[in-house]
PDB file of all heavy atoms in Angstrom:
ATOM      1  N   ILE A   1       0.825  -1.195  -0.014  1.00  0.00           N
ATOM      2  CA  ILE A   1      -0.011   0.003  -0.005  1.00  0.00           C
ATOM      3  C   ILE A   1       0.867   1.282   0.007  1.00  0.00           C
ATOM      4  O   ILE A   1       0.578   2.233  -0.694  1.00  0.00           O
ATOM      5  CB  ILE A   1      -0.928   0.014   1.235  1.00  0.00           C
ATOM      6  CG1 ILE A   1      -1.957  -1.134   1.115  1.00  0.00           C
ATOM      7  CG2 ILE A   1      -1.698   1.322   1.321  1.00  0.00           C
ATOM      8  CD1 ILE A   1      -2.917  -1.000   0.000  1.00  0.00           C
ATOM      9  N   ALA A   2       1.940   1.211   0.781  1.00  0.00           N
ATOM     10  CA  ALA A   2       2.854   2.369   0.806  1.00  0.00           C
ATOM     11  C   ALA A   2       3.427   2.608  -0.552  1.00  0.00           C
ATOM     12  O   ALA A   2       3.588   3.778  -1.021  1.00  0.00           O
ATOM     13  CB  ALA A   2       3.921   2.141   1.846  1.00  0.00           C
ATOM     14  N   ALA A   3       3.863   1.544  -1.248  1.00  0.00           N
ATOM     15  CA  ALA A   3       4.429   1.687  -2.562  1.00  0.00           C
ATOM     16  C   ALA A   3       3.453   2.183  -3.595  1.00  0.00           C
ATOM     17  O   ALA A   3       3.811   2.935  -4.506  1.00  0.00           O
ATOM     18  CB  ALA A   3       5.036   0.343  -3.000  1.00  0.00           C
ATOM     19  N   THR A   4       2.195   1.793  -3.428  1.00  0.00           N
ATOM     20  CA  THR A   4       1.178   2.163  -4.432  1.00  0.00           C
ATOM     21  C   THR A   4       0.592   3.541  -4.149  1.00  0.00           C
ATOM     22  O   THR A   4       0.398   4.315  -5.087  1.00  0.00           O
ATOM     23  CB  THR A   4       0.056   1.105  -4.459  1.00  0.00           C
ATOM     24  OG1 THR A   4       0.610  -0.182  -4.677  1.00  0.00           O
ATOM     25  CG2 THR A   4      -0.977   1.439  -5.548  1.00  0.00           C
ATOM     26  N   PHE A   5       0.281   3.807  -2.884  1.00  0.00           N
ATOM     27  CA  PHE A   5      -0.461   5.025  -2.557  1.00  0.00           C
ATOM     28  C   PHE A   5       0.360   6.045  -1.699  1.00  0.00           C
ATOM     29  O   PHE A   5       0.020   7.222  -1.725  1.00  0.00           O
ATOM     30  CB  PHE A   5      -1.752   4.706  -1.762  1.00  0.00           C
ATOM     31  CG  PHE A   5      -2.694   3.902  -2.579  1.00  0.00           C
ATOM     32  CD1 PHE A   5      -2.845   2.507  -2.327  1.00  0.00           C
ATOM     33  CD2 PHE A   5      -3.469   4.466  -3.580  1.00  0.00           C
ATOM     34  CE1 PHE A   5      -3.759   1.762  -3.031  1.00  0.00           C
ATOM     35  CE2 PHE A   5      -4.380   3.687  -4.300  1.00  0.00           C
ATOM     36  CZ  PHE A   5      -4.539   2.367  -4.033  1.00  0.00           C
ATOM     37  N   GLY A   6       1.248   5.554  -0.875  1.00  0.00           N
ATOM     38  CA  GLY A   6       1.923   6.440   0.062  1.00  0.00           C
ATOM     39  C   GLY A   6       2.588   7.633  -0.582  1.00  0.00           C
ATOM     40  O   GLY A   6       3.589   7.471  -1.324  1.00  0.00           O
ATOM     41  N   GLY A   7       2.047   8.825  -0.355  1.00  0.00           N
ATOM     42  CA  GLY A   7       2.638  10.010  -0.922  1.00  0.00           C
ATOM     43  C   GLY A   7       2.289  10.219  -2.361  1.00  0.00           C
ATOM     44  O   GLY A   7       2.653  11.239  -2.958  1.00  0.00           O
ATOM     45  N   ARG A   8       1.521   9.332  -2.976  1.00  0.00           N
ATOM     46  CA  ARG A   8       1.184   9.450  -4.403  1.00  0.00           C
ATOM     47  C   ARG A   8      -0.329   9.558  -4.514  1.00  0.00           C
ATOM     48  O   ARG A   8      -1.086   8.818  -3.908  1.00  0.00           O
ATOM     49  CB  ARG A   8       1.648   8.255  -5.208  1.00  0.00           C
ATOM     50  CG  ARG A   8       3.159   8.025  -5.122  1.00  0.00           C
ATOM     51  CD  ARG A   8       3.510   6.984  -6.149  1.00  0.00           C
ATOM     52  NE  ARG A   8       4.981   6.757  -6.111  1.00  0.00           N
ATOM     53  CZ  ARG A   8       5.527   5.688  -5.560  1.00  0.00           C
ATOM     54  NH1 ARG A   8       4.737   4.782  -5.012  1.00  0.00           N
ATOM     55  NH2 ARG A   8       6.820   5.520  -5.586  1.00  0.00           N
ATOM     56  N   ASN A   9      -0.797  10.489  -5.335  1.00  0.00           N
ATOM     57  CA  ASN A   9      -2.239  10.643  -5.568  1.00  0.00           C
ATOM     58  C   ASN A   9      -2.593   9.765  -6.756  1.00  0.00           C
ATOM     59  O   ASN A   9      -2.212  10.022  -7.912  1.00  0.00           O
ATOM     60  CB  ASN A   9      -2.587  12.075  -5.859  1.00  0.00           C
ATOM     61  CG  ASN A   9      -4.040  12.287  -5.996  1.00  0.00           C
ATOM     62  OD1 ASN A   9      -4.837  11.317  -5.982  1.00  0.00           O
ATOM     63  ND2 ASN A   9      -4.492  13.516  -6.195  1.00  0.00           N
ATOM     64  N   PRO A  10      -3.379   8.660  -6.579  1.00  0.00           N
ATOM     65  CA  PRO A  10      -3.713   7.819  -7.717  1.00  0.00           C
ATOM     66  C   PRO A  10      -4.841   8.416  -8.578  1.00  0.00           C
ATOM     67  O   PRO A  10      -5.207   7.808  -9.596  1.00  0.00           O
ATOM     68  CB  PRO A  10      -4.197   6.513  -7.035  1.00  0.00           C
ATOM     69  CG  PRO A  10      -4.767   7.000  -5.721  1.00  0.00           C
ATOM     70  CD  PRO A  10      -3.946   8.169  -5.279  1.00  0.00           C
ATOM     71  N   LEU A  11      -5.372   9.543  -8.177  1.00  0.00           N
ATOM     72  CA  LEU A  11      -6.482  10.147  -8.893  1.00  0.00           C
ATOM     73  C   LEU A  11      -6.087  11.490  -9.478  1.00  0.00           C
ATOM     74  O   LEU A  11      -6.820  12.469  -9.345  1.00  0.00           O
ATOM     75  CB  LEU A  11      -7.668  10.300  -7.910  1.00  0.00           C
ATOM     76  CG  LEU A  11      -8.180   9.043  -7.273  1.00  0.00           C
ATOM     77  CD1 LEU A  11      -9.244   9.374  -6.219  1.00  0.00           C
ATOM     78  CD2 LEU A  11      -8.714   8.073  -8.316  1.00  0.00           C
ATOM     79  N   ASN A  12      -4.962  11.528 -10.203  1.00  0.00           N
ATOM     80  CA  ASN A  12      -4.541  12.806 -10.762  1.00  0.00           C
ATOM     81  C   ASN A  12      -4.198  12.748 -12.227  1.00  0.00           C
ATOM     82  O   ASN A  12      -3.606  13.679 -12.813  1.00  0.00           O
ATOM     83  CB  ASN A  12      -3.346  13.402  -9.983  1.00  0.00           C
ATOM     84  CG  ASN A  12      -2.091  12.528 -10.044  1.00  0.00           C
ATOM     85  OD1 ASN A  12      -2.129  11.458 -10.678  1.00  0.00           O
ATOM     86  ND2 ASN A  12      -1.054  12.953  -9.391  1.00  0.00           N
ATOM     87  N   ASP A  13      -4.606  11.633 -12.886  1.00  0.00           N
ATOM     88  CA  ASP A  13      -4.399  11.558 -14.355  1.00  0.00           C
ATOM     89  C   ASP A  13      -5.645  12.174 -15.007  1.00  0.00           C
ATOM     90  O   ASP A  13      -6.435  11.508 -15.611  1.00  0.00           O
ATOM     91  CB  ASP A  13      -4.110  10.161 -14.815  1.00  0.00           C
ATOM     92  CG  ASP A  13      -5.159   9.132 -14.366  1.00  0.00           C
ATOM     93  OD1 ASP A  13      -5.937   9.443 -13.421  1.00  0.00           O
ATOM     94  OD2 ASP A  13      -5.219   8.034 -14.940  1.00  0.00           O
ATOM     95  N   TYR A  14      -5.708  13.496 -14.850  1.00  0.00           N
ATOM     96  CA  TYR A  14      -6.966  14.201 -15.290  1.00  0.00           C
ATOM     97  C   TYR A  14      -7.103  14.166 -16.830  1.00  0.00           C
ATOM     98  O   TYR A  14      -6.133  14.062 -17.581  1.00  0.00           O
ATOM     99  CB  TYR A  14      -6.914  15.641 -14.803  1.00  0.00           C
ATOM    100  CG  TYR A  14      -6.953  15.762 -13.330  1.00  0.00           C
ATOM    101  CD1 TYR A  14      -5.773  16.131 -12.619  1.00  0.00           C
ATOM    102  CD2 TYR A  14      -8.101  15.502 -12.612  1.00  0.00           C
ATOM    103  CE1 TYR A  14      -5.785  16.261 -11.252  1.00  0.00           C
ATOM    104  CE2 TYR A  14      -8.104  15.612 -11.218  1.00  0.00           C
ATOM    105  CZ  TYR A  14      -6.939  15.966 -10.523  1.00  0.00           C
ATOM    106  OH  TYR A  14      -6.984  16.029  -9.188  1.00  0.00           O
ATOM    107  N   THR A  15      -8.357  14.263 -17.232  1.00  0.00           N
ATOM    108  CA  THR A  15      -8.675  14.184 -18.647  1.00  0.00           C
ATOM    109  C   THR A  15      -9.908  15.077 -18.917  1.00  0.00           C
ATOM    110  O   THR A  15     -10.453  15.654 -17.961  1.00  0.00           O
ATOM    111  CB  THR A  15      -8.948  12.743 -19.148  1.00  0.00           C
ATOM    112  OG1 THR A  15      -9.125  12.722 -20.534  1.00  0.00           O
ATOM    113  CG2 THR A  15     -10.173  12.196 -18.424  1.00  0.00           C
ATOM    114  N   LEU A  16     -10.298  15.179 -20.170  1.00  0.00           N
ATOM    115  CA  LEU A  16     -11.550  15.886 -20.496  1.00  0.00           C
ATOM    116  C   LEU A  16     -12.676  15.204 -19.759  1.00  0.00           C
ATOM    117  O   LEU A  16     -12.927  14.001 -19.948  1.00  0.00           O
ATOM    118  CB  LEU A  16     -11.791  15.858 -22.002  1.00  0.00           C
ATOM    119  CG  LEU A  16     -13.014  16.631 -22.480  1.00  0.00           C
ATOM    120  CD1 LEU A  16     -12.772  18.104 -22.278  1.00  0.00           C
ATOM    121  CD2 LEU A  16     -13.248  16.326 -23.965  1.00  0.00           C
ATOM    122  N   PRO A  17     -13.411  15.926 -18.880  1.00  0.00           N
ATOM    123  CA  PRO A  17     -14.446  15.265 -18.028  1.00  0.00           C
ATOM    124  C   PRO A  17     -15.684  14.856 -18.764  1.00  0.00           C
ATOM    125  O   PRO A  17     -16.770  15.428 -18.605  1.00  0.00           O
ATOM    126  CB  PRO A  17     -14.672  16.317 -16.964  1.00  0.00           C
ATOM    127  CG  PRO A  17     -14.434  17.625 -17.667  1.00  0.00           C
ATOM    128  CD  PRO A  17     -13.291  17.368 -18.609  1.00  0.00           C
ATOM    129  N   TYR A  18     -15.533  13.861 -19.610  1.00  0.00           N
ATOM    130  CA  TYR A  18     -16.670  13.313 -20.388  1.00  0.00           C
ATOM    131  C   TYR A  18     -17.348  12.192 -19.591  1.00  0.00           C
ATOM    132  O   TYR A  18     -18.562  12.213 -19.387  1.00  0.00           O
ATOM    133  CB  TYR A  18     -16.226  12.829 -21.734  1.00  0.00           C
ATOM    134  CG  TYR A  18     -17.393  12.454 -22.633  1.00  0.00           C
ATOM    135  CD1 TYR A  18     -18.145  13.453 -23.225  1.00  0.00           C
ATOM    136  CD2 TYR A  18     -17.708  11.127 -22.940  1.00  0.00           C
ATOM    137  CE1 TYR A  18     -19.219  13.175 -24.056  1.00  0.00           C
ATOM    138  CE2 TYR A  18     -18.747  10.818 -23.781  1.00  0.00           C
ATOM    139  CZ  TYR A  18     -19.501  11.841 -24.338  1.00  0.00           C
ATOM    140  OH  TYR A  18     -20.552  11.509 -25.159  1.00  0.00           O
ATOM    141  N   HIS A  19     -16.530  11.208 -19.125  1.00  0.00           N
ATOM    142  CA  HIS A  19     -17.063  10.172 -18.197  1.00  0.00           C
ATOM    143  C   HIS A  19     -16.690  10.463 -16.758  1.00  0.00           C
ATOM    144  O   HIS A  19     -17.434  10.069 -15.861  1.00  0.00           O
ATOM    145  CB  HIS A  19     -16.488   8.782 -18.640  1.00  0.00           C
ATOM    146  CG  HIS A  19     -16.812   8.411 -20.019  1.00  0.00           C
ATOM    147  ND1 HIS A  19     -18.076   8.198 -20.460  1.00  0.00           N
ATOM    148  CD2 HIS A  19     -16.012   8.224 -21.133  1.00  0.00           C
ATOM    149  CE1 HIS A  19     -18.089   7.842 -21.737  1.00  0.00           C
ATOM    150  NE2 HIS A  19     -16.804   7.885 -22.172  1.00  0.00           N
ATOM    151  N   ALA A  20     -15.519  11.041 -16.576  1.00  0.00           N
ATOM    152  CA  ALA A  20     -15.025  11.334 -15.231  1.00  0.00           C
ATOM    153  C   ALA A  20     -13.882  12.323 -15.311  1.00  0.00           C
ATOM    154  O   ALA A  20     -13.384  12.624 -16.426  1.00  0.00           O
ATOM    155  CB  ALA A  20     -14.561  10.044 -14.575  1.00  0.00           C
ATOM    156  N   LEU A  21     -13.494  12.862 -14.156  1.00  0.00           N
ATOM    157  CA  LEU A  21     -12.377  13.834 -14.158  1.00  0.00           C
ATOM    158  C   LEU A  21     -11.058  13.178 -14.487  1.00  0.00           C
ATOM    159  O   LEU A  21     -10.141  13.879 -14.978  1.00  0.00           O
ATOM    160  CB  LEU A  21     -12.275  14.497 -12.768  1.00  0.00           C
ATOM    161  CG  LEU A  21     -13.476  15.407 -12.402  1.00  0.00           C
ATOM    162  CD1 LEU A  21     -13.227  15.932 -10.942  1.00  0.00           C
ATOM    163  CD2 LEU A  21     -13.553  16.576 -13.349  1.00  0.00           C
ATOM    164  N   THR A  22     -10.888  11.887 -14.237  1.00  0.00           N
ATOM    165  CA  THR A  22      -9.606  11.227 -14.477  1.00  0.00           C
ATOM    166  C   THR A  22      -9.829  10.064 -15.473  1.00  0.00           C
ATOM    167  O   THR A  22     -10.938   9.541 -15.638  1.00  0.00           O
ATOM    168  CB  THR A  22      -8.994  10.658 -13.179  1.00  0.00           C
ATOM    169  OG1 THR A  22      -9.790   9.584 -12.694  1.00  0.00           O
ATOM    170  CG2 THR A  22      -8.894  11.777 -12.113  1.00  0.00           C
ATOM    171  N   ARG A  23      -8.750   9.663 -16.082  1.00  0.00           N
ATOM    172  CA  ARG A  23      -8.826   8.520 -17.035  1.00  0.00           C
ATOM    173  C   ARG A  23      -8.916   7.195 -16.251  1.00  0.00           C
ATOM    174  O   ARG A  23      -9.337   6.167 -16.792  1.00  0.00           O
ATOM    175  CB  ARG A  23      -7.591   8.526 -17.962  1.00  0.00           C
ATOM    176  CG  ARG A  23      -7.602   9.691 -18.914  1.00  0.00           C
ATOM    177  CD  ARG A  23      -6.401   9.630 -19.833  1.00  0.00           C
ATOM    178  NE  ARG A  23      -5.166   9.808 -19.078  1.00  0.00           N
ATOM    179  CZ  ARG A  23      -4.115   9.005 -19.182  1.00  0.00           C
ATOM    180  NH1 ARG A  23      -4.133   7.968 -20.036  1.00  0.00           N
ATOM    181  NH2 ARG A  23      -3.000   9.231 -18.512  1.00  0.00           N
ATOM    182  N   GLY A  24      -8.380   7.140 -15.023  1.00  0.00           N
ATOM    183  CA  GLY A  24      -8.353   5.915 -14.226  1.00  0.00           C
ATOM    184  C   GLY A  24      -7.261   4.975 -14.625  1.00  0.00           C
ATOM    185  O   GLY A  24      -7.191   3.839 -14.132  1.00  0.00           O
ATOM    186  N   ALA A  25      -6.353   5.373 -15.519  1.00  0.00           N
ATOM    187  CA  ALA A  25      -5.273   4.470 -16.006  1.00  0.00           C
ATOM    188  C   ALA A  25      -4.323   4.127 -14.864  1.00  0.00           C
ATOM    189  O   ALA A  25      -3.835   3.006 -14.782  1.00  0.00           O
ATOM    190  CB  ALA A  25      -4.522   5.147 -17.123  1.00  0.00           C
ATOM    191  N   LYS A  26      -4.047   5.088 -13.997  1.00  0.00           N
ATOM    192  CA  LYS A  26      -3.098   4.777 -12.869  1.00  0.00           C
ATOM    193  C   LYS A  26      -3.720   3.753 -11.918  1.00  0.00           C
ATOM    194  O   LYS A  26      -3.011   2.828 -11.468  1.00  0.00           O
ATOM    195  CB  LYS A  26      -2.772   6.070 -12.102  1.00  0.00           C
ATOM    196  CG  LYS A  26      -1.939   7.063 -12.907  1.00  0.00           C
ATOM    197  CD  LYS A  26      -1.680   8.351 -12.116  1.00  0.00           C
ATOM    198  CE  LYS A  26      -0.798   8.087 -10.909  1.00  0.00           C
ATOM    199  NZ  LYS A  26      -0.464   9.343 -10.245  1.00  0.00           N
ATOM    200  N   VAL A  27      -4.986   3.928 -11.620  1.00  0.00           N
ATOM    201  CA  VAL A  27      -5.667   2.967 -10.767  1.00  0.00           C
ATOM    202  C   VAL A  27      -5.730   1.578 -11.411  1.00  0.00           C
ATOM    203  O   VAL A  27      -5.452   0.584 -10.752  1.00  0.00           O
ATOM    204  CB  VAL A  27      -7.104   3.484 -10.446  1.00  0.00           C
ATOM    205  CG1 VAL A  27      -7.851   2.406  -9.637  1.00  0.00           C
ATOM    206  CG2 VAL A  27      -6.996   4.759  -9.593  1.00  0.00           C
ATOM    207  N   ASP A  28      -6.085   1.567 -12.686  1.00  0.00           N
ATOM    208  CA  ASP A  28      -6.166   0.238 -13.388  1.00  0.00           C
ATOM    209  C   ASP A  28      -4.821  -0.461 -13.389  1.00  0.00           C
ATOM    210  O   ASP A  28      -4.730  -1.695 -13.085  1.00  0.00           O
ATOM    211  CB  ASP A  28      -6.612   0.495 -14.856  1.00  0.00           C
ATOM    212  CG  ASP A  28      -8.030   0.929 -14.966  1.00  0.00           C
ATOM    213  OD1 ASP A  28      -8.794   0.789 -13.966  1.00  0.00           O
ATOM    214  OD2 ASP A  28      -8.440   1.405 -16.033  1.00  0.00           O
ATOM    215  N   ALA A  29      -3.764   0.271 -13.688  1.00  0.00           N
ATOM    216  CA  ALA A  29      -2.418  -0.332 -13.735  1.00  0.00           C
ATOM    217  C   ALA A  29      -2.004  -0.810 -12.345  1.00  0.00           C
ATOM    218  O   ALA A  29      -1.385  -1.888 -12.192  1.00  0.00           O
ATOM    219  CB  ALA A  29      -1.404   0.676 -14.287  1.00  0.00           C
ATOM    220  N   GLY A  30      -2.303  -0.029 -11.356  1.00  0.00           N
ATOM    221  CA  GLY A  30      -1.917  -0.401  -9.982  1.00  0.00           C
ATOM    222  C   GLY A  30      -2.625  -1.680  -9.501  1.00  0.00           C
ATOM    223  O   GLY A  30      -2.016  -2.562  -8.906  1.00  0.00           O
ATOM    224  N   LEU A  31      -3.894  -1.743  -9.769  1.00  0.00           N
ATOM    225  CA  LEU A  31      -4.658  -2.941  -9.371  1.00  0.00           C
ATOM    226  C   LEU A  31      -4.165  -4.214 -10.125  1.00  0.00           C
ATOM    227  O   LEU A  31      -4.018  -5.279  -9.550  1.00  0.00           O
ATOM    228  CB  LEU A  31      -6.156  -2.765  -9.625  1.00  0.00           C
ATOM    229  CG  LEU A  31      -6.864  -1.749  -8.704  1.00  0.00           C
ATOM    230  CD1 LEU A  31      -8.313  -1.595  -9.174  1.00  0.00           C
ATOM    231  CD2 LEU A  31      -6.817  -2.203  -7.286  1.00  0.00           C
ATOM    232  N   ARG A  32      -3.925  -4.018 -11.412  1.00  0.00           N
ATOM    233  CA  ARG A  32      -3.506  -5.180 -12.202  1.00  0.00           C
ATOM    234  C   ARG A  32      -2.142  -5.635 -11.782  1.00  0.00           C
ATOM    235  O   ARG A  32      -1.797  -6.851 -11.740  1.00  0.00           O
ATOM    236  CB  ARG A  32      -3.569  -4.822 -13.707  1.00  0.00           C
ATOM    237  CG  ARG A  32      -3.408  -5.999 -14.642  1.00  0.00           C
ATOM    238  CD  ARG A  32      -4.472  -7.071 -14.348  1.00  0.00           C
ATOM    239  NE  ARG A  32      -5.823  -6.638 -14.674  1.00  0.00           N
ATOM    240  CZ  ARG A  32      -6.904  -7.372 -14.471  1.00  0.00           C
ATOM    241  NH1 ARG A  32      -6.802  -8.621 -13.949  1.00  0.00           N
ATOM    242  NH2 ARG A  32      -8.110  -6.918 -14.770  1.00  0.00           N
ATOM    243  N   HIS A  33      -1.260  -4.677 -11.440  1.00  0.00           N
ATOM    244  CA  HIS A  33       0.089  -5.033 -11.009  1.00  0.00           C
ATOM    245  C   HIS A  33       0.034  -5.763  -9.654  1.00  0.00           C
ATOM    246  O   HIS A  33       0.800  -6.771  -9.488  1.00  0.00           O
ATOM    247  CB  HIS A  33       0.880  -3.753 -10.841  1.00  0.00           C
ATOM    248  CG  HIS A  33       2.282  -3.978 -10.296  1.00  0.00           C
ATOM    249  ND1 HIS A  33       3.288  -4.622 -11.013  1.00  0.00           N
ATOM    250  CD2 HIS A  33       2.830  -3.725  -9.069  1.00  0.00           C
ATOM    251  CE1 HIS A  33       4.397  -4.685 -10.246  1.00  0.00           C
ATOM    252  NE2 HIS A  33       4.109  -4.152  -9.052  1.00  0.00           N
ATOM    253  N   ARG A  34      -0.804  -5.374  -8.769  1.00  0.00           N
ATOM    254  CA  ARG A  34      -0.843  -6.028  -7.440  1.00  0.00           C
ATOM    255  C   ARG A  34      -1.577  -7.329  -7.443  1.00  0.00           C
ATOM    256  O   ARG A  34      -1.184  -8.281  -6.746  1.00  0.00           O
ATOM    257  CB  ARG A  34      -1.564  -5.043  -6.445  1.00  0.00           C
ATOM    258  CG  ARG A  34      -0.706  -3.860  -6.040  1.00  0.00           C
ATOM    259  CD  ARG A  34      -1.394  -3.117  -4.914  1.00  0.00           C
ATOM    260  NE  ARG A  34      -1.614  -3.952  -3.727  1.00  0.00           N
ATOM    261  CZ  ARG A  34      -2.461  -3.715  -2.782  1.00  0.00           C
ATOM    262  NH1 ARG A  34      -3.219  -2.608  -2.868  1.00  0.00           N
ATOM    263  NH2 ARG A  34      -2.601  -4.462  -1.767  1.00  0.00           N
ATOM    264  N   PHE A  35      -2.668  -7.453  -8.187  1.00  0.00           N
ATOM    265  CA  PHE A  35      -3.500  -8.632  -8.125  1.00  0.00           C
ATOM    266  C   PHE A  35      -3.477  -9.532  -9.339  1.00  0.00           C
ATOM    267  O   PHE A  35      -4.004 -10.625  -9.331  1.00  0.00           O
ATOM    268  CB  PHE A  35      -4.950  -8.205  -7.814  1.00  0.00           C
ATOM    269  CG  PHE A  35      -5.093  -7.502  -6.536  1.00  0.00           C
ATOM    270  CD1 PHE A  35      -5.296  -6.082  -6.520  1.00  0.00           C
ATOM    271  CD2 PHE A  35      -4.997  -8.130  -5.297  1.00  0.00           C
ATOM    272  CE1 PHE A  35      -5.438  -5.369  -5.316  1.00  0.00           C
ATOM    273  CE2 PHE A  35      -5.098  -7.412  -4.121  1.00  0.00           C
ATOM    274  CZ  PHE A  35      -5.313  -6.088  -4.120  1.00  0.00           C
ATOM    275  N   GLY A  36      -2.827  -9.064 -10.397  1.00  0.00           N
ATOM    276  CA  GLY A  36      -2.657  -9.903 -11.589  1.00  0.00           C
ATOM    277  C   GLY A  36      -3.962 -10.417 -12.132  1.00  0.00           C
ATOM    278  O   GLY A  36      -4.952  -9.735 -12.237  1.00  0.00           O
ATOM    279  N   SER A  37      -3.940 -11.745 -12.447  1.00  0.00           N
ATOM    280  CA  SER A  37      -5.113 -12.407 -13.015  1.00  0.00           C
ATOM    281  C   SER A  37      -5.864 -13.232 -11.934  1.00  0.00           C
ATOM    282  O   SER A  37      -6.656 -14.143 -12.279  1.00  0.00           O
ATOM    283  CB  SER A  37      -4.761 -13.288 -14.165  1.00  0.00           C
ATOM    284  OG  SER A  37      -3.807 -14.281 -13.762  1.00  0.00           O
ATOM    285  N   ALA A  38      -5.611 -12.972 -10.652  1.00  0.00           N
ATOM    286  CA  ALA A  38      -6.274 -13.757  -9.583  1.00  0.00           C
ATOM    287  C   ALA A  38      -7.798 -13.610  -9.665  1.00  0.00           C
ATOM    288  O   ALA A  38      -8.330 -12.588 -10.051  1.00  0.00           O
ATOM    289  CB  ALA A  38      -5.772 -13.273  -8.208  1.00  0.00           C
ATOM    290  N   ARG A  39      -8.424 -14.721  -9.257  1.00  0.00           N
ATOM    291  CA  ARG A  39      -9.876 -14.733  -9.235  1.00  0.00           C
ATOM    292  C   ARG A  39     -10.397 -14.774  -7.792  1.00  0.00           C
ATOM    293  O   ARG A  39      -9.721 -15.347  -6.962  1.00  0.00           O
ATOM    294  CB  ARG A  39     -10.417 -15.903 -10.052  1.00  0.00           C
ATOM    295  CG  ARG A  39     -10.068 -15.853 -11.511  1.00  0.00           C
ATOM    296  CD  ARG A  39     -10.719 -16.989 -12.278  1.00  0.00           C
ATOM    297  NE  ARG A  39     -12.158 -16.921 -12.298  1.00  0.00           N
ATOM    298  CZ  ARG A  39     -12.908 -16.145 -13.054  1.00  0.00           C
ATOM    299  NH1 ARG A  39     -12.310 -15.318 -13.932  1.00  0.00           N
ATOM    300  NH2 ARG A  39     -14.222 -16.164 -13.008  1.00  0.00           N
ATOM    301  N   ILE A  40     -11.517 -14.220  -7.573  1.00  0.00           N
ATOM    302  CA  ILE A  40     -12.039 -14.083  -6.219  1.00  0.00           C
ATOM    303  C   ILE A  40     -12.226 -15.466  -5.554  1.00  0.00           C
ATOM    304  O   ILE A  40     -11.934 -15.660  -4.415  1.00  0.00           O
ATOM    305  CB  ILE A  40     -13.363 -13.302  -6.200  1.00  0.00           C
ATOM    306  CG1 ILE A  40     -13.139 -11.846  -6.570  1.00  0.00           C
ATOM    307  CG2 ILE A  40     -14.067 -13.372  -4.818  1.00  0.00           C
ATOM    308  CD1 ILE A  40     -14.436 -11.049  -6.782  1.00  0.00           C
ATOM    309  N   GLU A  41     -12.742 -16.429  -6.310  1.00  0.00           N
ATOM    310  CA  GLU A  41     -13.009 -17.730  -5.765  1.00  0.00           C
ATOM    311  C   GLU A  41     -11.751 -18.566  -5.526  1.00  0.00           C
ATOM    312  O   GLU A  41     -11.813 -19.599  -4.849  1.00  0.00           O
ATOM    313  CB  GLU A  41     -13.984 -18.515  -6.664  1.00  0.00           C
ATOM    314  CG  GLU A  41     -13.472 -18.807  -8.061  1.00  0.00           C
ATOM    315  CD  GLU A  41     -13.766 -17.724  -9.056  1.00  0.00           C
ATOM    316  OE1 GLU A  41     -13.832 -16.515  -8.697  1.00  0.00           O
ATOM    317  OE2 GLU A  41     -13.974 -18.082 -10.263  1.00  0.00           O
ATOM    318  N   ASP A  42     -10.626 -18.101  -6.061  1.00  0.00           N
ATOM    319  CA  ASP A  42      -9.354 -18.798  -5.892  1.00  0.00           C
ATOM    320  C   ASP A  42      -8.374 -18.031  -5.041  1.00  0.00           C
ATOM    321  O   ASP A  42      -7.188 -17.803  -5.419  1.00  0.00           O
ATOM    322  CB  ASP A  42      -8.754 -19.152  -7.251  1.00  0.00           C
ATOM    323  CG  ASP A  42      -9.593 -20.099  -8.042  1.00  0.00           C
ATOM    324  OD1 ASP A  42     -10.186 -21.032  -7.398  1.00  0.00           O
ATOM    325  OD2 ASP A  42      -9.707 -19.967  -9.269  1.00  0.00           O
ATOM    326  N   LEU A  43      -8.841 -17.538  -3.902  1.00  0.00           N
ATOM    327  CA  LEU A  43      -7.962 -16.893  -2.913  1.00  0.00           C
ATOM    328  C   LEU A  43      -7.892 -17.764  -1.644  1.00  0.00           C
ATOM    329  O   LEU A  43      -8.689 -18.697  -1.485  1.00  0.00           O
ATOM    330  CB  LEU A  43      -8.563 -15.517  -2.546  1.00  0.00           C
ATOM    331  CG  LEU A  43      -8.752 -14.525  -3.700  1.00  0.00           C
ATOM    332  CD1 LEU A  43      -9.447 -13.255  -3.179  1.00  0.00           C
ATOM    333  CD2 LEU A  43      -7.423 -14.214  -4.336  1.00  0.00           C
TER     334      LEU A  43
END
């Protein structure tokens, strides 16, 4: 969590606010890096 969020704002990749204020690319990449292709039923 410290490496992903500590001191870093994951919600600052701003874009034209058509769907949202941010593109969400940083959040998407962070989640995929941490959890990979894991499935909920296989934890």
